[in-house]
Amino acid sequence: MILPIVAYGDPVLKKEAGEIEKDYPDLDQLIENMFQTMYEASGVGLAAPQIGKSIRLFVVDGSPFAESDEDEEEDPRAKGLENFKKVFINPIIEEENGEEWGFNEGCLSIPDIREEVFRKEEIVISYYDENWELKEETYNGYAARIIQHEYDHVDGILFTDHLSALKRRLLTKKLTNISKGETKATYRMRFPLKKKQR
């Protein structure tokens, strides 16, 4: 089932999410719905707070980053993304290493805005997968970035929080408009400040 994505301005996006237990109700269905919702919106990651659930869960599929034009030289940071489809439950980023690098990030909860965000190139993360197996893995390049972006969501952080105060001020009107539903998003959304239609 495709769920509406919560837009910028909803308090759930700024709240630190809570861990879940193995017997969380209908977890398999929720994960399936999150993948469907992410694909419908052409995203590469989706965190539970973005569908209004304040729990430490996110899904990723980096394969769109792996599909480069044949003429283009392959970006080494996209290595391994064709098989990068994962579920992260109760994740903990244990380490962030390497140089920071910038990339123009966007977010399904903040349509029509992309800004350069700097993140470390490598992370070590521990998490439970969809089978409740505990993993600890190292990721770098785009895989690390996708995880860092979604991990921020379960900590109540948005990519706009990484921008300078000046940049954020310049985006204030656009962000307020998104909250009101004044956006061209092509997928279902829930807007916190949208006036009810009479």
N, C-alpha and C. Protein backbone atom coordinates (compact mmCIF):
# COMPACT_ATOMS: atom_id res chain seq x y z
N MET A 1 0.85 -1.18 0.00
CA MET A 1 0.00 0.00 0.00
C MET A 1 0.89 1.24 0.00
N ILE A 2 0.53 2.19 -0.85
CA ILE A 2 1.31 3.43 -0.93
C ILE A 2 0.77 4.42 0.10
N LEU A 3 1.67 4.90 0.94
CA LEU A 3 1.28 5.79 2.04
C LEU A 3 1.63 7.23 1.70
N PRO A 4 0.90 8.20 2.29
CA PRO A 4 1.28 9.60 2.05
C PRO A 4 2.57 9.94 2.80
N ILE A 5 3.41 10.71 2.16
CA ILE A 5 4.67 11.14 2.77
C ILE A 5 4.44 12.46 3.50
N VAL A 6 4.91 12.52 4.73
CA VAL A 6 4.73 13.70 5.58
C VAL A 6 5.64 14.82 5.09
N ALA A 7 5.06 16.02 4.94
CA ALA A 7 5.81 17.16 4.43
C ALA A 7 6.52 17.93 5.54
N TYR A 8 7.51 18.70 5.12
CA TYR A 8 8.25 19.60 6.01
C TYR A 8 7.28 20.38 6.88
N GLY A 9 7.64 20.54 8.15
CA GLY A 9 6.81 21.32 9.07
C GLY A 9 6.02 20.45 10.03
N ASP A 10 5.89 19.16 9.71
CA ASP A 10 5.19 18.25 10.62
C ASP A 10 6.11 17.94 11.80
N PRO A 11 5.61 18.05 13.04
CA PRO A 11 6.47 17.81 14.22
C PRO A 11 7.13 16.43 14.25
N VAL A 12 6.51 15.41 13.62
CA VAL A 12 7.09 14.06 13.66
C VAL A 12 8.49 14.04 13.02
N LEU A 13 8.73 14.95 12.08
CA LEU A 13 10.03 14.98 11.38
C LEU A 13 11.15 15.56 12.25
N LYS A 14 10.79 16.24 13.34
CA LYS A 14 11.79 16.87 14.19
C LYS A 14 11.95 16.16 15.53
N LYS A 15 11.32 15.00 15.64
CA LYS A 15 11.31 14.27 16.90
C LYS A 15 12.27 13.08 16.80
N GLU A 16 13.03 12.83 17.87
CA GLU A 16 13.89 11.64 17.87
C GLU A 16 13.00 10.41 18.01
N ALA A 17 13.15 9.48 17.09
CA ALA A 17 12.27 8.30 17.05
C ALA A 17 12.71 7.25 18.09
N GLY A 18 11.77 6.39 18.47
CA GLY A 18 12.04 5.37 19.47
C GLY A 18 12.34 4.01 18.85
N GLU A 19 13.10 3.21 19.58
CA GLU A 19 13.41 1.85 19.11
C GLU A 19 12.15 0.98 19.16
N ILE A 20 12.15 -0.09 18.37
CA ILE A 20 11.01 -1.01 18.37
C ILE A 20 11.46 -2.41 18.80
N GLU A 21 10.49 -3.21 19.19
CA GLU A 21 10.74 -4.60 19.58
C GLU A 21 10.43 -5.53 18.42
N LYS A 22 10.88 -6.76 18.55
CA LYS A 22 10.70 -7.76 17.50
C LYS A 22 9.22 -8.01 17.20
N ASP A 23 8.35 -7.84 18.21
CA ASP A 23 6.93 -8.12 18.01
C ASP A 23 6.14 -6.87 17.61
N TYR A 24 6.83 -5.86 17.06
CA TYR A 24 6.13 -4.64 16.60
C TYR A 24 5.03 -5.06 15.63
N PRO A 25 3.79 -4.57 15.84
CA PRO A 25 2.66 -5.07 15.03
C PRO A 25 2.81 -4.81 13.53
N ASP A 26 2.55 -5.88 12.75
CA ASP A 26 2.52 -5.79 11.27
C ASP A 26 3.79 -5.18 10.67
N LEU A 27 4.96 -5.51 11.25
CA LEU A 27 6.22 -4.91 10.79
C LEU A 27 6.53 -5.29 9.34
N ASP A 28 6.32 -6.55 8.97
CA ASP A 28 6.60 -6.97 7.58
C ASP A 28 5.77 -6.17 6.59
N GLN A 29 4.50 -5.95 6.92
CA GLN A 29 3.61 -5.19 6.04
C GLN A 29 4.05 -3.73 5.97
N LEU A 30 4.46 -3.19 7.11
CA LEU A 30 4.94 -1.80 7.14
C LEU A 30 6.17 -1.64 6.24
N ILE A 31 7.11 -2.58 6.34
CA ILE A 31 8.33 -2.52 5.52
C ILE A 31 7.97 -2.59 4.04
N GLU A 32 7.07 -3.49 3.69
CA GLU A 32 6.61 -3.63 2.29
C GLU A 32 5.97 -2.32 1.81
N ASN A 33 5.12 -1.74 2.65
CA ASN A 33 4.46 -0.47 2.30
C ASN A 33 5.48 0.65 2.12
N MET A 34 6.52 0.64 2.97
CA MET A 34 7.54 1.69 2.86
C MET A 34 8.31 1.58 1.55
N PHE A 35 8.66 0.35 1.15
CA PHE A 35 9.33 0.17 -0.15
C PHE A 35 8.42 0.64 -1.29
N GLN A 36 7.17 0.25 -1.26
CA GLN A 36 6.23 0.66 -2.33
C GLN A 36 6.10 2.18 -2.39
N THR A 37 5.99 2.80 -1.22
CA THR A 37 5.86 4.26 -1.14
C THR A 37 7.11 4.94 -1.69
N MET A 38 8.27 4.42 -1.32
CA MET A 38 9.55 4.98 -1.79
C MET A 38 9.67 4.88 -3.30
N TYR A 39 9.34 3.70 -3.85
CA TYR A 39 9.45 3.52 -5.31
C TYR A 39 8.47 4.43 -6.05
N GLU A 40 7.25 4.55 -5.53
CA GLU A 40 6.23 5.40 -6.16
C GLU A 40 6.72 6.85 -6.24
N ALA A 41 7.49 7.27 -5.23
CA ALA A 41 7.99 8.65 -5.16
C ALA A 41 9.38 8.79 -5.80
N SER A 42 9.90 7.71 -6.41
CA SER A 42 11.23 7.70 -7.04
C SER A 42 12.34 8.09 -6.06
N GLY A 43 12.23 7.58 -4.83
CA GLY A 43 13.26 7.85 -3.83
C GLY A 43 14.25 6.72 -3.73
N VAL A 44 15.37 6.97 -3.03
CA VAL A 44 16.37 5.92 -2.78
C VAL A 44 16.41 5.54 -1.30
N GLY A 45 15.60 6.22 -0.49
CA GLY A 45 15.51 5.90 0.93
C GLY A 45 14.23 6.48 1.50
N LEU A 46 13.72 5.84 2.55
CA LEU A 46 12.53 6.35 3.23
C LEU A 46 12.59 5.92 4.69
N ALA A 47 12.41 6.88 5.58
CA ALA A 47 12.43 6.59 7.02
C ALA A 47 11.01 6.63 7.56
N ALA A 48 10.76 5.84 8.60
CA ALA A 48 9.42 5.74 9.18
C ALA A 48 8.83 7.10 9.58
N PRO A 49 9.62 8.05 10.14
CA PRO A 49 9.01 9.35 10.47
C PRO A 49 8.40 10.05 9.24
N GLN A 50 8.91 9.74 8.05
CA GLN A 50 8.38 10.36 6.84
C GLN A 50 6.98 9.84 6.46
N ILE A 51 6.56 8.74 7.10
CA ILE A 51 5.17 8.30 6.90
C ILE A 51 4.40 8.44 8.21
N GLY A 52 4.94 9.29 9.11
CA GLY A 52 4.23 9.64 10.33
C GLY A 52 4.44 8.71 11.50
N LYS A 53 5.41 7.77 11.39
CA LYS A 53 5.66 6.83 12.50
C LYS A 53 7.01 7.14 13.13
N SER A 54 6.98 7.51 14.40
CA SER A 54 8.22 7.91 15.08
C SER A 54 8.95 6.69 15.65
N ILE A 55 9.43 5.85 14.73
CA ILE A 55 10.17 4.64 15.11
C ILE A 55 11.48 4.59 14.33
N ARG A 56 12.47 3.87 14.90
CA ARG A 56 13.81 3.83 14.29
C ARG A 56 13.87 2.72 13.23
N LEU A 57 13.37 3.07 12.07
CA LEU A 57 13.29 2.14 10.95
C LEU A 57 13.43 2.93 9.66
N PHE A 58 14.30 2.45 8.75
CA PHE A 58 14.30 3.02 7.41
C PHE A 58 14.66 1.96 6.38
N VAL A 59 14.26 2.23 5.14
CA VAL A 59 14.55 1.33 4.02
C VAL A 59 15.32 2.11 2.97
N VAL A 60 16.17 1.41 2.24
CA VAL A 60 16.96 2.04 1.17
C VAL A 60 17.03 1.12 -0.04
N ASP A 61 17.18 1.73 -1.21
CA ASP A 61 17.50 1.00 -2.43
C ASP A 61 18.28 1.97 -3.31
N GLY A 62 19.59 1.77 -3.36
CA GLY A 62 20.47 2.71 -4.07
C GLY A 62 20.61 2.43 -5.55
N SER A 63 19.86 1.46 -6.10
CA SER A 63 20.06 1.08 -7.50
C SER A 63 19.91 2.24 -8.49
N PRO A 64 19.04 3.25 -8.27
CA PRO A 64 18.99 4.36 -9.25
C PRO A 64 20.34 5.07 -9.40
N PHE A 65 21.13 5.14 -8.32
CA PHE A 65 22.45 5.77 -8.40
C PHE A 65 23.43 4.93 -9.22
N ALA A 66 23.16 3.63 -9.32
CA ALA A 66 24.07 2.74 -10.05
C ALA A 66 23.82 2.79 -11.55
N GLU A 67 22.66 3.32 -11.95
CA GLU A 67 22.29 3.35 -13.37
C GLU A 67 22.82 4.63 -14.02
N SER A 68 24.08 4.60 -14.42
CA SER A 68 24.64 5.78 -15.10
C SER A 68 24.56 5.57 -16.61
N ASP A 69 24.63 6.67 -17.35
CA ASP A 69 24.63 6.56 -18.82
C ASP A 69 25.88 5.83 -19.26
N GLU A 70 25.74 5.10 -20.36
CA GLU A 70 26.89 4.31 -20.83
C GLU A 70 28.06 5.20 -21.22
N ASP A 71 27.76 6.41 -21.70
CA ASP A 71 28.83 7.33 -22.10
C ASP A 71 29.59 7.87 -20.89
N GLU A 72 28.88 7.97 -19.76
CA GLU A 72 29.50 8.56 -18.58
C GLU A 72 30.48 7.60 -17.93
N GLU A 73 31.54 8.18 -17.39
CA GLU A 73 32.49 7.37 -16.63
C GLU A 73 31.84 7.00 -15.30
N GLU A 74 32.00 5.76 -14.88
CA GLU A 74 31.33 5.33 -13.65
C GLU A 74 31.95 6.01 -12.43
N ASP A 75 31.11 6.53 -11.57
CA ASP A 75 31.55 7.19 -10.34
C ASP A 75 31.95 6.11 -9.34
N PRO A 76 33.21 6.10 -8.87
CA PRO A 76 33.62 5.05 -7.92
C PRO A 76 32.79 5.06 -6.63
N ARG A 77 32.18 6.20 -6.30
CA ARG A 77 31.36 6.28 -5.08
C ARG A 77 30.05 5.50 -5.22
N ALA A 78 29.68 5.14 -6.47
CA ALA A 78 28.43 4.41 -6.71
C ALA A 78 28.64 2.89 -6.72
N LYS A 79 29.85 2.46 -6.42
CA LYS A 79 30.18 1.04 -6.46
C LYS A 79 29.29 0.22 -5.53
N GLY A 80 28.74 -0.88 -6.07
CA GLY A 80 27.94 -1.81 -5.27
C GLY A 80 26.49 -1.40 -5.05
N LEU A 81 26.08 -0.25 -5.62
CA LEU A 81 24.72 0.23 -5.35
C LEU A 81 23.63 -0.57 -6.07
N GLU A 82 24.02 -1.29 -7.13
CA GLU A 82 22.99 -2.06 -7.86
C GLU A 82 22.34 -3.13 -6.98
N ASN A 83 23.06 -3.57 -5.92
CA ASN A 83 22.49 -4.57 -4.99
C ASN A 83 22.26 -3.99 -3.60
N PHE A 84 22.13 -2.69 -3.52
CA PHE A 84 22.02 -2.03 -2.22
C PHE A 84 20.56 -1.77 -1.87
N LYS A 85 19.85 -2.86 -1.52
CA LYS A 85 18.46 -2.76 -1.07
C LYS A 85 18.42 -3.35 0.34
N LYS A 86 18.08 -2.52 1.33
CA LYS A 86 18.21 -2.98 2.72
C LYS A 86 17.15 -2.36 3.62
N VAL A 87 16.96 -3.05 4.74
CA VAL A 87 16.08 -2.58 5.82
C VAL A 87 16.95 -2.38 7.05
N PHE A 88 16.82 -1.23 7.70
CA PHE A 88 17.59 -0.93 8.91
C PHE A 88 16.62 -0.71 10.07
N ILE A 89 16.71 -1.57 11.08
CA ILE A 89 15.86 -1.47 12.26
C ILE A 89 16.75 -1.15 13.46
N ASN A 90 16.34 -0.17 14.26
CA ASN A 90 17.11 0.26 15.45
C ASN A 90 18.60 0.48 15.13
N PRO A 91 18.90 1.24 14.07
CA PRO A 91 20.30 1.42 13.67
C PRO A 91 21.08 2.31 14.64
N ILE A 92 22.39 2.06 14.71
CA ILE A 92 23.30 2.94 15.46
C ILE A 92 24.53 3.15 14.57
N ILE A 93 24.81 4.40 14.22
CA ILE A 93 26.06 4.69 13.51
C ILE A 93 27.17 4.69 14.56
N GLU A 94 28.06 3.71 14.44
CA GLU A 94 29.14 3.52 15.43
C GLU A 94 30.32 4.45 15.16
N GLU A 95 30.60 4.67 13.86
CA GLU A 95 31.74 5.52 13.49
C GLU A 95 31.44 6.24 12.19
N GLU A 96 32.03 7.43 12.03
CA GLU A 96 32.03 8.14 10.75
C GLU A 96 33.49 8.49 10.48
N ASN A 97 34.01 8.11 9.31
CA ASN A 97 35.43 8.30 9.02
C ASN A 97 35.63 8.96 7.66
N GLY A 98 36.87 9.44 7.46
CA GLY A 98 37.26 9.97 6.15
C GLY A 98 36.96 11.45 6.00
N GLU A 99 37.21 11.91 4.78
CA GLU A 99 36.99 13.32 4.44
C GLU A 99 35.49 13.58 4.26
N GLU A 100 35.09 14.82 4.50
CA GLU A 100 33.71 15.21 4.17
C GLU A 100 33.65 15.55 2.70
N TRP A 101 32.57 15.17 2.04
CA TRP A 101 32.39 15.53 0.63
C TRP A 101 30.96 16.03 0.42
N GLY A 102 30.83 16.95 -0.52
CA GLY A 102 29.55 17.59 -0.76
C GLY A 102 28.76 16.90 -1.86
N PHE A 103 27.45 16.90 -1.71
CA PHE A 103 26.55 16.33 -2.71
C PHE A 103 25.22 17.07 -2.61
N ASN A 104 24.61 17.29 -3.76
CA ASN A 104 23.33 17.97 -3.82
C ASN A 104 22.22 17.03 -3.36
N GLU A 105 21.79 17.18 -2.12
CA GLU A 105 20.77 16.27 -1.57
C GLU A 105 19.37 16.84 -1.71
N GLY A 106 18.42 15.92 -1.83
CA GLY A 106 17.01 16.27 -1.79
C GLY A 106 16.34 15.37 -0.78
N CYS A 107 15.03 15.54 -0.59
CA CYS A 107 14.31 14.73 0.40
C CYS A 107 12.85 14.64 -0.03
N LEU A 108 12.26 13.45 0.08
CA LEU A 108 10.87 13.27 -0.31
C LEU A 108 9.93 14.12 0.53
N SER A 109 10.32 14.46 1.76
CA SER A 109 9.48 15.32 2.61
C SER A 109 9.65 16.80 2.29
N ILE A 110 10.66 17.11 1.46
CA ILE A 110 10.95 18.51 1.11
C ILE A 110 11.10 18.59 -0.43
N PRO A 111 10.01 18.37 -1.17
CA PRO A 111 10.13 18.34 -2.63
C PRO A 111 10.56 19.70 -3.19
N ASP A 112 11.18 19.67 -4.36
CA ASP A 112 11.57 20.88 -5.12
C ASP A 112 12.75 21.64 -4.52
N ILE A 113 13.38 21.10 -3.48
CA ILE A 113 14.57 21.78 -2.92
C ILE A 113 15.73 20.80 -2.90
N ARG A 114 16.85 21.23 -3.45
CA ARG A 114 18.09 20.44 -3.38
C ARG A 114 19.20 21.39 -2.95
N GLU A 115 20.04 20.94 -2.03
CA GLU A 115 21.15 21.77 -1.56
C GLU A 115 22.37 20.89 -1.29
N GLU A 116 23.54 21.50 -1.38
CA GLU A 116 24.77 20.75 -1.12
C GLU A 116 24.94 20.51 0.39
N VAL A 117 25.11 19.23 0.73
CA VAL A 117 25.31 18.82 2.11
C VAL A 117 26.64 18.07 2.19
N PHE A 118 27.44 18.36 3.21
CA PHE A 118 28.73 17.69 3.39
C PHE A 118 28.60 16.59 4.44
N ARG A 119 29.06 15.39 4.07
CA ARG A 119 29.02 14.25 5.00
C ARG A 119 30.34 13.49 4.89
N LYS A 120 30.68 12.75 5.97
CA LYS A 120 31.88 11.91 5.97
C LYS A 120 31.71 10.77 4.95
N GLU A 121 32.84 10.32 4.37
CA GLU A 121 32.74 9.36 3.26
C GLU A 121 32.52 7.92 3.69
N GLU A 122 32.78 7.59 4.97
CA GLU A 122 32.62 6.19 5.39
C GLU A 122 31.94 6.12 6.76
N ILE A 123 31.07 5.12 6.91
CA ILE A 123 30.42 4.90 8.21
C ILE A 123 30.50 3.42 8.59
N VAL A 124 30.43 3.18 9.88
CA VAL A 124 30.24 1.83 10.43
C VAL A 124 28.89 1.88 11.14
N ILE A 125 27.99 0.97 10.78
CA ILE A 125 26.64 0.99 11.35
C ILE A 125 26.25 -0.39 11.87
N SER A 126 25.61 -0.42 13.04
CA SER A 126 25.03 -1.68 13.52
C SER A 126 23.52 -1.52 13.46
N TYR A 127 22.82 -2.62 13.16
CA TYR A 127 21.37 -2.57 12.99
C TYR A 127 20.81 -3.98 12.95
N TYR A 128 19.49 -4.08 13.06
CA TYR A 128 18.82 -5.35 12.81
C TYR A 128 18.22 -5.30 11.41
N ASP A 129 18.33 -6.42 10.69
CA ASP A 129 17.69 -6.48 9.38
C ASP A 129 16.24 -6.93 9.55
N GLU A 130 15.54 -7.16 8.43
CA GLU A 130 14.11 -7.52 8.51
C GLU A 130 13.88 -8.88 9.16
N ASN A 131 14.94 -9.71 9.24
CA ASN A 131 14.83 -11.01 9.92
C ASN A 131 15.30 -10.94 11.38
N TRP A 132 15.51 -9.74 11.88
CA TRP A 132 15.99 -9.49 13.24
C TRP A 132 17.35 -10.13 13.49
N GLU A 133 18.18 -10.12 12.44
CA GLU A 133 19.58 -10.54 12.61
C GLU A 133 20.40 -9.27 12.84
N LEU A 134 21.23 -9.29 13.87
CA LEU A 134 22.07 -8.13 14.20
C LEU A 134 23.26 -8.10 13.25
N LYS A 135 23.51 -6.95 12.64
CA LYS A 135 24.61 -6.79 11.69
C LYS A 135 25.47 -5.60 12.12
N GLU A 136 26.74 -5.66 11.73
CA GLU A 136 27.59 -4.46 11.81
C GLU A 136 28.34 -4.40 10.50
N GLU A 137 28.16 -3.33 9.75
CA GLU A 137 28.72 -3.23 8.40
C GLU A 137 29.34 -1.86 8.17
N THR A 138 30.25 -1.83 7.21
CA THR A 138 30.92 -0.58 6.82
C THR A 138 30.45 -0.21 5.42
N TYR A 139 30.10 1.05 5.24
CA TYR A 139 29.67 1.55 3.93
C TYR A 139 30.44 2.82 3.61
N ASN A 140 30.63 3.06 2.31
CA ASN A 140 31.23 4.33 1.92
C ASN A 140 30.57 4.87 0.66
N GLY A 141 31.00 6.07 0.25
CA GLY A 141 30.44 6.69 -0.95
C GLY A 141 28.95 6.97 -0.83
N TYR A 142 28.23 6.72 -1.94
CA TYR A 142 26.80 7.04 -1.96
C TYR A 142 26.01 6.19 -0.97
N ALA A 143 26.42 4.94 -0.77
CA ALA A 143 25.71 4.07 0.18
C ALA A 143 25.76 4.70 1.57
N ALA A 144 26.95 5.16 1.98
CA ALA A 144 27.09 5.80 3.29
C ALA A 144 26.22 7.06 3.37
N ARG A 145 26.19 7.82 2.28
CA ARG A 145 25.41 9.06 2.28
C ARG A 145 23.92 8.79 2.40
N ILE A 146 23.42 7.81 1.67
CA ILE A 146 21.99 7.47 1.74
C ILE A 146 21.64 7.08 3.18
N ILE A 147 22.49 6.24 3.77
CA ILE A 147 22.25 5.80 5.15
C ILE A 147 22.29 7.00 6.11
N GLN A 148 23.28 7.87 5.97
CA GLN A 148 23.40 9.03 6.86
C GLN A 148 22.17 9.93 6.76
N HIS A 149 21.67 10.11 5.54
CA HIS A 149 20.48 10.96 5.34
C HIS A 149 19.27 10.34 6.05
N GLU A 150 19.06 9.02 5.87
CA GLU A 150 17.90 8.36 6.49
C GLU A 150 18.08 8.25 8.00
N TYR A 151 19.31 8.03 8.44
CA TYR A 151 19.60 7.96 9.88
C TYR A 151 19.27 9.29 10.55
N ASP A 152 19.59 10.39 9.86
CA ASP A 152 19.23 11.71 10.38
C ASP A 152 17.72 11.77 10.66
N HIS A 153 16.91 11.21 9.75
CA HIS A 153 15.45 11.25 9.94
C HIS A 153 15.03 10.60 11.25
N VAL A 154 15.63 9.46 11.61
CA VAL A 154 15.21 8.81 12.86
C VAL A 154 15.75 9.54 14.09
N ASP A 155 16.68 10.47 13.86
CA ASP A 155 17.16 11.34 14.95
C ASP A 155 16.45 12.70 14.96
N GLY A 156 15.46 12.87 14.06
CA GLY A 156 14.73 14.14 14.01
C GLY A 156 15.49 15.26 13.32
N ILE A 157 16.40 14.89 12.41
CA ILE A 157 17.23 15.88 11.70
C ILE A 157 16.89 15.82 10.22
N LEU A 158 16.76 17.00 9.59
CA LEU A 158 16.51 17.08 8.14
C LEU A 158 17.77 17.60 7.45
N PHE A 159 17.88 17.35 6.14
CA PHE A 159 19.10 17.79 5.46
C PHE A 159 19.25 19.30 5.51
N THR A 160 18.14 20.02 5.62
CA THR A 160 18.22 21.49 5.71
C THR A 160 18.88 21.93 7.02
N ASP A 161 18.86 21.08 8.03
CA ASP A 161 19.52 21.41 9.30
C ASP A 161 21.04 21.47 9.16
N HIS A 162 21.57 20.87 8.10
CA HIS A 162 23.02 20.88 7.86
C HIS A 162 23.47 22.15 7.13
N LEU A 163 22.51 22.97 6.68
CA LEU A 163 22.86 24.15 5.89
C LEU A 163 23.22 25.31 6.82
N SER A 164 23.88 26.32 6.26
CA SER A 164 24.23 27.51 7.04
C SER A 164 22.95 28.26 7.41
N ALA A 165 23.04 29.08 8.44
CA ALA A 165 21.88 29.87 8.88
C ALA A 165 21.38 30.76 7.74
N LEU A 166 22.30 31.31 6.97
CA LEU A 166 21.92 32.18 5.84
C LEU A 166 21.15 31.38 4.80
N LYS A 167 21.68 30.21 4.43
CA LYS A 167 20.99 29.35 3.45
C LYS A 167 19.58 29.01 3.92
N ARG A 168 19.45 28.67 5.20
CA ARG A 168 18.14 28.31 5.74
C ARG A 168 17.17 29.48 5.68
N ARG A 169 17.69 30.68 5.98
CA ARG A 169 16.83 31.88 5.91
C ARG A 169 16.34 32.09 4.49
N LEU A 170 17.23 31.89 3.52
CA LEU A 170 16.86 32.09 2.12
C LEU A 170 15.79 31.09 1.66
N LEU A 171 15.74 29.94 2.33
CA LEU A 171 14.77 28.89 1.95
C LEU A 171 13.45 28.97 2.73
N THR A 172 13.37 29.91 3.69
CA THR A 172 12.22 29.94 4.60
C THR A 172 10.89 29.96 3.86
N LYS A 173 10.75 30.84 2.87
CA LYS A 173 9.46 30.97 2.16
C LYS A 173 9.12 29.67 1.42
N LYS A 174 10.11 29.11 0.74
CA LYS A 174 9.88 27.85 0.01
C LYS A 174 9.44 26.74 0.96
N LEU A 175 10.11 26.65 2.11
CA LEU A 175 9.79 25.60 3.09
C LEU A 175 8.39 25.79 3.66
N THR A 176 8.02 27.04 3.93
CA THR A 176 6.67 27.32 4.44
C THR A 176 5.63 26.93 3.40
N ASN A 177 5.91 27.24 2.13
CA ASN A 177 4.98 26.88 1.06
C ASN A 177 4.79 25.37 0.96
N ILE A 178 5.89 24.61 1.15
CA ILE A 178 5.79 23.14 1.13
C ILE A 178 4.85 22.68 2.26
N SER A 179 5.02 23.27 3.45
CA SER A 179 4.16 22.92 4.60
C SER A 179 2.68 23.15 4.30
N LYS A 180 2.42 24.18 3.46
CA LYS A 180 1.03 24.53 3.12
C LYS A 180 0.49 23.70 1.95
N GLY A 181 1.36 22.87 1.35
CA GLY A 181 0.92 22.07 0.22
C GLY A 181 1.11 22.75 -1.12
N GLU A 182 1.85 23.86 -1.12
CA GLU A 182 2.13 24.57 -2.38
C GLU A 182 3.41 24.00 -2.99
N THR A 183 3.27 22.86 -3.63
CA THR A 183 4.41 22.16 -4.22
C THR A 183 3.93 21.32 -5.40
N LYS A 184 4.86 20.95 -6.26
CA LYS A 184 4.50 20.16 -7.44
C LYS A 184 4.84 18.67 -7.26
N ALA A 185 4.87 18.20 -6.03
CA ALA A 185 5.21 16.79 -5.80
C ALA A 185 4.25 15.90 -6.58
N THR A 186 4.80 14.84 -7.18
CA THR A 186 3.99 13.95 -8.02
C THR A 186 3.51 12.72 -7.25
N TYR A 187 3.74 12.69 -5.94
CA TYR A 187 3.35 11.56 -5.11
C TYR A 187 2.47 12.06 -3.96
N ARG A 188 1.78 11.14 -3.30
CA ARG A 188 0.88 11.51 -2.20
C ARG A 188 1.65 12.09 -1.02
N MET A 189 1.14 13.21 -0.50
CA MET A 189 1.79 13.84 0.65
C MET A 189 0.74 14.28 1.66
N ARG A 190 1.21 14.49 2.90
CA ARG A 190 0.37 15.02 3.96
C ARG A 190 1.03 16.31 4.43
N PHE A 191 0.29 17.42 4.33
CA PHE A 191 0.86 18.74 4.61
C PHE A 191 0.35 19.29 5.94
N PRO A 192 1.25 19.68 6.85
CA PRO A 192 0.81 20.11 8.19
C PRO A 192 0.03 21.42 8.21
N LEU A 193 0.30 22.32 7.26
CA LEU A 193 -0.35 23.64 7.29
C LEU A 193 -1.39 23.82 6.19
N LYS A 194 -1.71 22.75 5.49
CA LYS A 194 -2.67 22.88 4.39
C LYS A 194 -4.06 23.16 4.94
N LYS A 195 -4.70 24.19 4.38
CA LYS A 195 -6.06 24.52 4.81
C LYS A 195 -7.01 23.43 4.29
N LYS A 196 -7.96 23.08 5.10
CA LYS A 196 -8.97 22.09 4.68
C LYS A 196 -9.84 22.70 3.59
N GLN A 197 -10.11 21.90 2.57
CA GLN A 197 -10.99 22.37 1.49
C GLN A 197 -12.44 22.44 2.02
N ARG A 198 -13.14 23.52 1.69
CA ARG A 198 -14.54 23.63 2.13
C ARG A 198 -15.46 22.88 1.18
